[in-house]
């Protein structure tokens, strides 16, 4: 990002013509400060897209900590389009008189803005209602294209409301919540690190929106000391070898209490290193069984980038059988929940059933399969760039800059070979387990 240049002019007696000339002469990435000769401390600030009157002063008295006079402070008086030079001088002189008497114009202005924001926002209950209307129209997090999913919206609102209720603040003015309130809420979640993280994060994003929309002056989450904020979870690095994946595959097949669609989903997530949400939302219209591909649009992926998986032999076996059993549909969910027909979300119960069927102790989660895939194929000699392309990693050493442009478009034959190698390795283990 280019740095803005500061140009200082004057003091000169500012007229209407001065203002007009300064606006015509404005330059990109340049801030021009024109000091007024008629009123000390008053200046015209000219940016590339805006102008404003600014009054600079020194508060009366000394800093109790340093023993020195307070540093200069400034306040914005208004825009020259709505505030003439004479009106700006009048306001500046009024503030100057107040400062000599011991008032602090900047603090008074800050307090007024906060009070105005508090009045506009009303209670947190009302602000939460406005937030629930605005959230579905907001863009995805992490810079991805598209709007927030309905699931994300629901979770954000749930965690935000839970945080507000936990503070006992639902009927309080939105601007009255402070860092102490939030700290007490977090203290109430001692021993529940995940809950604390979700509530703090959602509340902070809620207040970011409220500040952005000028409902409140500040985000009180920033008042919580960094050492007292919920820490992010430790990154899980667990992966499983082919023997363990073979054991897990057989346990999935043998587990009681699972519908066949549950078994197919879990097997598919081992055969294809996609994300759980991508598999549960997989659509028949994106599947080409003849061409052995699964093409996802940017709205279906985590990072917002379109992505195509090559479907290896194991994946094709699963999908072909499902296609026949479902009457060869052309659209709709590939793996719908047996009862609701919606994307499967009962993973806690599913995992318990599989764990009960496992003949060995195995600490596993669905996302571990992606790490297992990468680890096994890297050991088999598959290039890192190929693995990054298969996993649809946007930020990586092999897919950044100019190189990344080529990597995203190329290496498809290598991806096909890698996916088939993965299928062959798994099939050997599954066959060995079944013997």
Protein backbone atom coordinates (compact mmCIF):
# COMPACT_ATOMS: atom_id res chain seq x y z
CA UNK A 1 0.00 0.00 0.00
CA UNK A 2 1.34 3.41 -0.99
CA UNK A 3 2.00 5.88 1.81
CA UNK A 4 0.01 9.11 1.89
CA UNK A 5 2.06 12.32 1.48
CA UNK A 6 1.38 15.22 3.87
CA UNK A 7 1.68 18.77 2.44
CA UNK A 8 1.45 21.73 4.88
CA UNK A 9 0.63 25.27 3.67
CA UNK A 10 0.13 28.61 5.40
CA UNK A 11 -0.87 30.10 7.64
CA UNK A 12 -2.95 32.06 5.12
CA UNK A 13 -6.28 33.82 5.39
CA UNK A 14 -8.71 31.27 4.01
CA UNK A 15 -11.48 32.49 1.71
CA UNK A 16 -14.12 30.64 -0.28
CA UNK A 17 -11.84 30.94 -3.31
CA UNK A 18 -9.04 29.29 -1.30
CA UNK A 19 -11.27 26.32 -0.60
CA UNK A 20 -12.31 25.99 -4.26
CA UNK A 21 -8.73 26.24 -5.49
CA UNK A 22 -7.54 23.64 -2.95
CA UNK A 23 -10.24 21.22 -4.09
CA UNK A 24 -9.27 21.62 -7.75
CA UNK A 25 -5.59 21.07 -6.90
CA UNK A 26 -6.12 17.92 -4.81
CA UNK A 27 -3.95 14.92 -5.66
CA UNK A 28 -4.27 11.15 -5.09
CA UNK A 29 -2.41 9.84 -2.03
CA UNK A 30 -1.88 13.41 -0.83
CA UNK A 31 -3.28 15.20 2.22
CA UNK A 32 -2.94 18.98 2.13
CA UNK A 33 -3.23 20.92 5.42
CA UNK A 34 -3.86 24.66 5.04
CA UNK A 35 -3.51 26.59 8.31
CA UNK A 36 -5.84 29.58 8.76
CA UNK A 37 -4.12 32.89 9.63
CA UNK A 38 -7.30 34.36 11.16
CA UNK A 39 -7.86 31.62 13.77
CA UNK A 40 -4.89 29.87 15.30
CA UNK A 41 -5.39 26.09 15.39
CA UNK A 42 -7.96 26.02 12.58
CA UNK A 43 -6.97 24.29 9.35
CA UNK A 44 -8.55 23.09 6.13
CA UNK A 45 -7.79 19.42 5.46
CA UNK A 46 -7.92 18.41 1.78
CA UNK A 47 -7.84 14.73 0.82
CA UNK A 48 -8.27 13.11 -2.58
CA UNK A 49 -11.97 12.42 -1.92
CA UNK A 50 -12.97 14.81 0.87
CA UNK A 51 -12.38 18.07 2.77
CA UNK A 52 -12.90 18.99 6.40
CA UNK A 53 -12.29 21.73 8.98
CA UNK A 54 -10.00 20.67 11.82
CA UNK A 55 -9.29 22.52 15.06
CA UNK A 56 -6.09 21.70 16.98
CA UNK A 57 -5.52 22.75 20.59
CA UNK A 58 -3.70 21.87 23.79
CA UNK A 59 -5.82 20.87 26.80
CA UNK A 60 -5.24 22.92 29.92
CA UNK A 61 -3.11 21.51 32.72
CA UNK A 62 -0.43 18.82 32.89
CA UNK A 63 -0.38 15.03 32.60
CA UNK A 64 -0.25 13.58 36.12
CA UNK A 65 1.91 10.66 34.92
CA UNK A 66 4.57 12.65 33.03
CA UNK A 67 4.35 16.08 34.67
CA UNK A 68 4.30 17.62 31.20
CA UNK A 69 1.59 19.55 29.37
CA UNK A 70 -0.90 17.44 27.51
CA UNK A 71 -0.09 16.73 23.88
CA UNK A 72 -2.06 18.56 21.21
CA UNK A 73 -5.47 17.19 20.35
CA UNK A 74 -7.77 17.88 17.46
CA UNK A 75 -11.41 17.65 16.51
CA UNK A 76 -13.19 17.72 13.17
CA UNK A 77 -15.70 20.56 12.93
CA UNK A 78 -17.40 19.72 9.66
CA UNK A 79 -17.25 19.86 5.89
CA UNK A 80 -16.71 23.16 4.02
CA UNK A 81 -19.75 22.28 1.91
CA UNK A 82 -22.00 22.68 4.96
CA UNK A 83 -19.81 24.82 7.24
CA UNK A 84 -18.50 28.14 5.91
CA UNK A 85 -15.10 29.50 6.85
CA UNK A 86 -16.71 32.11 9.14
CA UNK A 87 -18.80 29.43 10.88
CA UNK A 88 -15.71 27.23 11.25
CA UNK A 89 -13.79 30.12 12.86
CA UNK A 90 -16.68 30.79 15.22
CA UNK A 91 -16.82 27.17 16.35
CA UNK A 92 -13.02 26.98 16.68
CA UNK A 93 -12.97 30.11 18.88
CA UNK A 94 -15.75 28.69 21.05
CA UNK A 95 -13.77 25.47 21.54
CA UNK A 96 -10.64 27.54 22.22
CA UNK A 97 -12.46 29.44 24.97
CA UNK A 98 -13.69 26.18 26.47
CA UNK A 99 -10.18 24.70 26.43
CA UNK A 100 -8.83 27.77 28.31
CA UNK A 101 -11.44 27.17 31.01
CA UNK A 102 -10.36 23.54 31.38
CA UNK A 103 -12.80 21.83 29.03
CA UNK A 104 -11.57 19.20 26.59
CA UNK A 105 -13.45 19.64 23.28
CA UNK A 106 -12.26 16.30 21.88
CA UNK A 107 -13.46 14.37 24.92
CA UNK A 108 -16.79 16.22 24.89
CA UNK A 109 -17.20 15.44 21.18
CA UNK A 110 -16.31 11.80 21.76
CA UNK A 111 -18.84 11.56 24.59
CA UNK A 112 -21.54 13.17 22.44
CA UNK A 113 -20.88 10.78 19.56
CA UNK A 114 -21.05 7.83 21.95
CA UNK A 115 -24.32 9.09 23.44
CA UNK A 116 -25.80 9.69 19.99
CA UNK A 117 -24.77 6.19 18.93
CA UNK A 118 -26.26 4.72 22.12
CA UNK A 119 -29.57 6.46 21.47
CA UNK A 120 -29.66 5.29 17.85
CA UNK A 121 -28.94 1.69 18.75
CA UNK A 122 -31.47 1.36 21.52
CA UNK A 123 -31.24 -1.92 23.38
CA UNK A 124 -29.10 -4.88 22.40
CA UNK A 125 -32.31 -6.80 21.74
CA UNK A 126 -33.27 -4.25 19.07
CA UNK A 127 -29.76 -4.13 17.64
CA UNK A 128 -29.69 -7.92 17.41
CA UNK A 129 -32.91 -7.76 15.39
CA UNK A 130 -31.26 -5.35 12.95
CA UNK A 131 -28.20 -7.60 12.81
CA UNK A 132 -30.30 -10.65 11.97
CA UNK A 133 -31.71 -8.72 8.99
CA UNK A 134 -28.30 -7.53 7.82
CA UNK A 135 -26.24 -10.70 8.32
CA UNK A 136 -27.67 -12.77 5.41
CA UNK A 137 -26.65 -9.94 3.07
CA UNK A 138 -23.04 -9.81 4.26
CA UNK A 139 -20.16 -11.30 2.30
CA UNK A 140 -18.38 -14.49 3.28
CA UNK A 141 -15.58 -14.30 5.79
CA UNK A 142 -11.92 -14.74 4.83
CA UNK A 143 -12.38 -12.73 1.67
CA UNK A 144 -14.18 -15.44 -0.32
CA UNK A 145 -16.78 -14.40 -2.88
CA UNK A 146 -20.51 -14.74 -2.25
CA UNK A 147 -22.77 -14.24 0.77
CA UNK A 148 -22.71 -15.99 4.13
CA UNK A 149 -24.41 -19.36 4.10
CA UNK A 150 -27.65 -19.83 6.02
CA UNK A 151 -25.82 -22.22 8.37
CA UNK A 152 -23.15 -19.59 9.14
CA UNK A 153 -25.82 -16.94 9.72
CA UNK A 154 -27.72 -19.21 12.11
CA UNK A 155 -24.57 -20.08 14.07
CA UNK A 156 -23.40 -16.46 14.26
CA UNK A 157 -26.74 -15.27 15.58
CA UNK A 158 -26.94 -18.16 18.06
CA UNK A 159 -23.49 -17.47 19.54
CA UNK A 160 -24.04 -13.70 19.57
CA UNK A 161 -27.35 -13.97 21.39
CA UNK A 162 -25.90 -16.51 23.83
CA UNK A 163 -23.07 -14.09 24.68
CA UNK A 164 -25.48 -11.19 25.21
CA UNK A 165 -27.82 -13.27 27.36
CA UNK A 166 -24.88 -14.57 29.41
CA UNK A 167 -23.93 -10.95 30.18
CA UNK A 168 -27.53 -10.21 31.21
CA UNK A 169 -27.46 -7.37 28.71
CA UNK A 170 -30.31 -8.17 26.31
CA UNK A 171 -32.38 -5.18 27.52
CA UNK A 172 -29.44 -2.81 28.09
CA UNK A 173 -28.42 0.00 25.71
CA UNK A 174 -25.99 -1.36 23.13
CA UNK A 175 -23.38 1.25 23.94
CA UNK A 176 -23.34 0.47 27.66
CA UNK A 177 -21.56 -2.89 27.39
CA UNK A 178 -17.88 -2.70 28.28
CA UNK A 179 -14.84 -4.93 28.64
CA UNK A 180 -15.72 -5.83 32.23
CA UNK A 181 -19.08 -7.25 31.10
CA UNK A 182 -17.39 -9.34 28.43
CA UNK A 183 -14.67 -10.57 30.78
CA UNK A 184 -17.31 -11.76 33.26
CA UNK A 185 -19.09 -13.58 30.45
CA UNK A 186 -15.85 -15.32 29.49
CA UNK A 187 -15.09 -16.18 33.12
CA UNK A 188 -18.47 -17.90 33.25
CA UNK A 189 -17.26 -20.25 30.53
CA UNK A 190 -14.21 -21.46 32.44
CA UNK A 191 -13.45 -24.99 31.30
CA UNK A 192 -15.45 -24.51 28.09
CA UNK A 193 -12.77 -23.12 25.79
CA UNK A 194 -14.65 -23.77 22.54
CA UNK A 195 -17.83 -22.09 23.80
CA UNK A 196 -15.85 -19.07 25.00
CA UNK A 197 -14.12 -18.74 21.61
CA UNK A 198 -17.39 -18.98 19.68
CA UNK A 199 -19.18 -16.43 21.86
CA UNK A 200 -16.32 -13.94 22.00
CA UNK A 201 -15.71 -14.17 18.25
CA UNK A 202 -19.37 -13.80 17.33
CA UNK A 203 -19.85 -10.90 19.76
CA UNK A 204 -16.78 -9.11 18.39
CA UNK A 205 -18.01 -9.49 14.80
CA UNK A 206 -21.45 -8.23 15.90
CA UNK A 207 -19.91 -5.11 17.41
CA UNK A 208 -17.66 -4.61 14.37
CA UNK A 209 -20.84 -4.42 12.30
CA UNK A 210 -22.47 -2.10 14.84
CA UNK A 211 -19.49 0.29 14.69
CA UNK A 212 -19.45 0.09 10.90
CA UNK A 213 -23.16 1.01 10.79
CA UNK A 214 -22.61 3.76 13.42
CA UNK A 215 -24.95 2.19 15.95
CA UNK A 216 -22.20 2.30 18.60
CA UNK A 217 -18.94 4.20 18.89
CA UNK A 218 -16.55 1.37 19.81
CA UNK A 219 -16.27 -2.42 19.93
CA UNK A 220 -16.05 -3.27 23.65
CA UNK A 221 -14.40 -6.62 22.88
CA UNK A 222 -11.23 -4.64 22.23
CA UNK A 223 -11.27 -3.58 25.89
CA UNK A 224 -10.56 -7.13 27.02
CA UNK A 225 -6.84 -7.63 27.56
CA UNK A 226 -5.28 -9.91 24.94
CA UNK A 227 -4.11 -12.24 27.68
CA UNK A 228 -7.72 -12.70 28.85
CA UNK A 229 -9.23 -13.36 25.42
CA UNK A 230 -10.03 -16.94 24.37
CA UNK A 231 -7.06 -18.54 22.69
CA UNK A 232 -7.42 -20.21 19.30
CA UNK A 233 -7.45 -24.02 19.41
CA UNK A 234 -4.22 -25.87 18.92
CA UNK A 235 -3.92 -27.05 15.35
CA UNK A 236 -4.67 -30.76 15.06
CA UNK A 237 -1.97 -32.62 13.19
CA UNK A 238 -3.27 -36.17 13.59
CA UNK A 239 -3.13 -38.40 10.54
CA UNK A 240 -3.58 -42.15 10.06
CA UNK A 241 -1.61 -44.68 8.12
CA UNK A 242 -3.11 -46.98 5.51
CA UNK A 243 -3.49 -49.84 7.96
CA UNK A 244 -5.57 -47.66 10.30
CA UNK A 245 -7.68 -46.32 7.44
CA UNK A 246 -8.39 -49.88 6.36
CA UNK A 247 -9.50 -50.72 9.90
CA UNK A 248 -11.72 -47.63 9.96
CA UNK A 249 -13.26 -48.52 6.57
CA UNK A 250 -14.22 -51.99 7.79
CA UNK A 251 -15.60 -50.60 11.08
CA UNK A 252 -17.82 -48.19 9.12
CA UNK A 253 -19.18 -51.10 7.12
CA UNK A 254 -19.86 -53.18 10.24
CA UNK A 255 -21.19 -50.45 12.58
CA UNK A 256 -24.71 -50.91 13.95
CA UNK A 257 -27.12 -48.02 13.85
CA UNK A 258 -25.84 -46.56 10.56
CA UNK A 259 -27.93 -46.13 7.45
CA UNK A 260 -26.25 -47.05 4.15
CA UNK A 261 -26.10 -43.37 3.21
CA UNK A 262 -24.05 -42.76 6.38
CA UNK A 263 -21.65 -45.55 5.40
CA UNK A 264 -21.37 -44.19 1.86
CA UNK A 265 -20.62 -40.69 3.14
CA UNK A 266 -17.88 -41.86 5.51
CA UNK A 267 -16.33 -44.12 2.89
CA UNK A 268 -16.45 -41.31 0.33
CA UNK A 269 -14.64 -38.97 2.74
CA UNK A 270 -11.81 -41.48 2.97
CA UNK A 271 -11.71 -42.11 -0.79
CA UNK A 272 -11.86 -38.40 -1.77
CA UNK A 273 -9.98 -35.79 0.34
CA UNK A 274 -12.75 -33.19 0.27
CA UNK A 275 -14.13 -31.26 3.22
CA UNK A 276 -17.05 -32.67 5.19
CA UNK A 277 -19.41 -29.85 4.22
CA UNK A 278 -18.53 -30.23 0.54
CA UNK A 279 -19.46 -33.93 0.63
CA UNK A 280 -22.73 -33.43 2.53
CA UNK A 281 -23.82 -30.74 0.03
CA UNK A 282 -22.66 -32.64 -3.08
CA UNK A 283 -25.20 -32.37 -5.94
CA UNK A 284 -25.88 -34.86 -8.74
CA UNK A 285 -25.79 -32.08 -11.35
CA UNK A 286 -22.10 -31.56 -10.48
CA UNK A 287 -21.20 -35.25 -10.87
CA UNK A 288 -20.02 -36.71 -14.18
CA UNK A 289 -19.88 -40.45 -13.63
CA UNK A 290 -18.75 -41.16 -17.19
CA UNK A 291 -15.95 -38.62 -16.95
CA UNK A 292 -15.16 -39.45 -13.30
CA UNK A 293 -15.28 -35.82 -12.16
CA UNK A 294 -16.99 -33.74 -9.50
CA UNK A 295 -17.06 -30.03 -10.38
CA UNK A 296 -17.88 -27.53 -7.63
CA UNK A 297 -18.57 -23.83 -8.13
CA UNK A 298 -17.00 -21.15 -5.93
CA UNK A 299 -20.17 -20.96 -3.83
CA UNK A 300 -19.69 -24.59 -2.75
CA UNK A 301 -16.06 -24.44 -1.60
CA UNK A 302 -14.57 -23.07 1.61
CA UNK A 303 -12.21 -20.60 -0.09
CA UNK A 304 -14.65 -19.47 -2.79
CA UNK A 305 -12.57 -20.94 -5.64
CA UNK A 306 -14.20 -23.35 -8.14
CA UNK A 307 -12.70 -26.81 -7.87
CA UNK A 308 -12.85 -30.16 -9.63
CA UNK A 309 -12.05 -33.51 -8.04
CA UNK A 310 -11.11 -36.54 -10.09
CA UNK A 311 -13.24 -39.42 -8.80
CA UNK A 312 -11.10 -42.50 -8.38
CA UNK A 313 -12.34 -46.10 -8.63
CA UNK A 314 -13.47 -46.30 -4.99
CA UNK A 315 -15.46 -43.06 -5.27
CA UNK A 316 -17.06 -44.09 -8.58
CA UNK A 317 -18.13 -47.42 -7.07
CA UNK A 318 -19.87 -45.60 -4.21
CA UNK A 319 -21.56 -43.00 -6.40
CA UNK A 320 -22.58 -45.38 -9.19
CA UNK A 321 -24.35 -47.65 -6.73
CA UNK A 322 -26.09 -44.69 -5.09
CA UNK A 323 -27.13 -43.35 -8.51
CA UNK A 324 -28.81 -46.65 -9.37
CA UNK A 325 -30.47 -47.02 -5.97
CA UNK A 326 -31.87 -43.46 -6.16
CA UNK A 327 -33.36 -43.99 -9.62
CA UNK A 328 -30.60 -42.25 -11.63
CA UNK A 329 -31.44 -38.66 -10.58
CA UNK A 330 -30.02 -35.71 -12.52
CA UNK A 331 -30.20 -33.22 -9.66
CA UNK A 332 -30.47 -33.00 -5.88
CA UNK A 333 -28.31 -34.10 -2.98
CA UNK A 334 -26.15 -37.16 -3.54
CA UNK A 335 -26.03 -38.08 0.15
CA UNK A 336 -29.20 -36.72 1.81
CA UNK A 337 -30.05 -37.50 5.42
CA UNK A 338 -32.31 -40.60 5.47
CA UNK A 339 -35.21 -38.91 7.27
CA UNK A 340 -35.08 -35.19 6.48
CA UNK A 341 -33.59 -35.31 2.99
CA UNK A 342 -31.33 -32.43 4.03
CA UNK A 343 -27.51 -32.48 4.34
CA UNK A 344 -26.35 -34.90 7.04
CA UNK A 345 -25.34 -33.21 10.30
CA UNK A 346 -25.58 -35.96 12.95
CA UNK A 347 -21.85 -36.67 12.99
CA UNK A 348 -21.61 -37.09 16.74
CA UNK A 349 -23.99 -40.09 16.72
CA UNK A 350 -22.40 -41.48 13.57
CA UNK A 351 -18.93 -41.38 15.10
CA UNK A 352 -20.10 -43.15 18.28
CA UNK A 353 -21.48 -46.00 16.17
CA UNK A 354 -18.20 -46.36 14.28
CA UNK A 355 -16.12 -46.16 17.47
CA UNK A 356 -18.17 -49.01 18.95
CA UNK A 357 -17.40 -51.16 15.89
CA UNK A 358 -13.66 -50.45 15.85
CA UNK A 359 -11.56 -53.38 17.03
CA UNK A 360 -8.62 -51.08 17.85
CA UNK A 361 -8.42 -47.77 19.73
CA UNK A 362 -8.25 -44.97 17.17
CA UNK A 363 -8.50 -41.21 17.76
CA UNK A 364 -10.04 -40.08 14.49
CA UNK A 365 -11.97 -37.17 13.05
CA UNK A 366 -13.24 -36.67 9.53
CA UNK A 367 -10.80 -33.87 8.72
CA UNK A 368 -7.91 -36.21 9.60
CA UNK A 369 -8.51 -37.95 6.27
CA UNK A 370 -7.16 -34.98 4.32
CA UNK A 371 -3.92 -35.03 6.32
CA UNK A 372 -3.73 -38.81 5.94
CA UNK A 373 -4.15 -38.47 2.18
CA UNK A 374 -1.36 -35.89 1.92
CA UNK A 375 1.01 -37.79 4.19
CA UNK A 376 0.59 -41.13 2.42
CA UNK A 377 0.92 -39.74 -1.11
CA UNK A 378 3.86 -37.51 -0.20
CA UNK A 379 5.60 -40.63 1.11
CA UNK A 380 4.69 -42.31 -2.20
CA UNK A 381 6.52 -39.56 -4.08
CA UNK A 382 3.63 -37.35 -5.26
CA UNK A 383 4.74 -33.73 -5.73
CA UNK A 384 3.56 -31.14 -3.18
CA UNK A 385 2.09 -28.94 -5.91
CA UNK A 386 -0.15 -31.81 -7.07
CA UNK A 387 -1.40 -32.42 -3.53
CA UNK A 388 -2.10 -28.70 -3.01
CA UNK A 389 -4.09 -28.63 -6.25
CA UNK A 390 -6.16 -31.67 -5.22
CA UNK A 391 -6.94 -30.18 -1.79
CA UNK A 392 -7.84 -26.79 -3.32
CA UNK A 393 -5.48 -24.89 -1.05
CA UNK A 394 -5.44 -21.23 -2.05
CA UNK A 395 -2.54 -20.13 0.16
CA UNK A 396 0.45 -22.40 -0.12
CA UNK A 397 4.07 -22.30 -1.12
CA UNK A 398 3.31 -23.95 -4.45
CA UNK A 399 0.22 -21.99 -5.50
CA UNK A 400 1.15 -18.35 -4.87
CA UNK A 401 2.01 -15.64 -7.42
CA UNK A 402 2.60 -16.41 -11.09
CA UNK A 403 3.45 -20.04 -10.32
CA UNK A 404 0.05 -20.45 -8.73
CA UNK A 405 -1.73 -19.39 -11.93
CA UNK A 406 -0.09 -22.21 -13.81
CA UNK A 407 -0.50 -24.76 -11.05
CA UNK A 408 -4.25 -24.15 -10.89
CA UNK A 409 -4.65 -24.85 -14.60
CA UNK A 410 -2.08 -27.60 -15.08
CA UNK A 411 -1.15 -30.93 -13.54
CA UNK A 412 -4.58 -32.46 -14.15
CA UNK A 413 -3.04 -35.73 -15.41
CA UNK A 414 -0.89 -35.76 -12.27
CA UNK A 415 -3.99 -35.23 -10.11
CA UNK A 416 -5.75 -38.12 -11.85
CA UNK A 417 -2.76 -40.39 -11.27
CA UNK A 418 -2.46 -39.36 -7.62
CA UNK A 419 -6.16 -39.98 -6.92
CA UNK A 420 -6.00 -43.39 -8.56
CA UNK A 421 -2.85 -44.25 -6.60
CA UNK A 422 -4.75 -43.35 -3.43
CA UNK A 423 -7.61 -45.62 -4.47
CA UNK A 424 -5.21 -48.50 -5.16
CA UNK A 425 -3.46 -48.11 -1.79
CA UNK A 426 -6.77 -48.05 0.09
CA UNK A 427 -8.18 -50.99 -1.87
CA UNK A 428 -5.23 -53.17 -0.89
CA UNK A 429 -5.85 -52.42 2.78
CA UNK A 430 -9.61 -52.91 2.51
CA UNK A 431 -9.11 -56.21 0.71
CA UNK A 432 -6.61 -57.32 3.33
CA UNK A 433 -9.01 -56.43 6.13
CA UNK A 434 -11.84 -58.36 4.46
CA UNK A 435 -9.78 -61.50 3.90
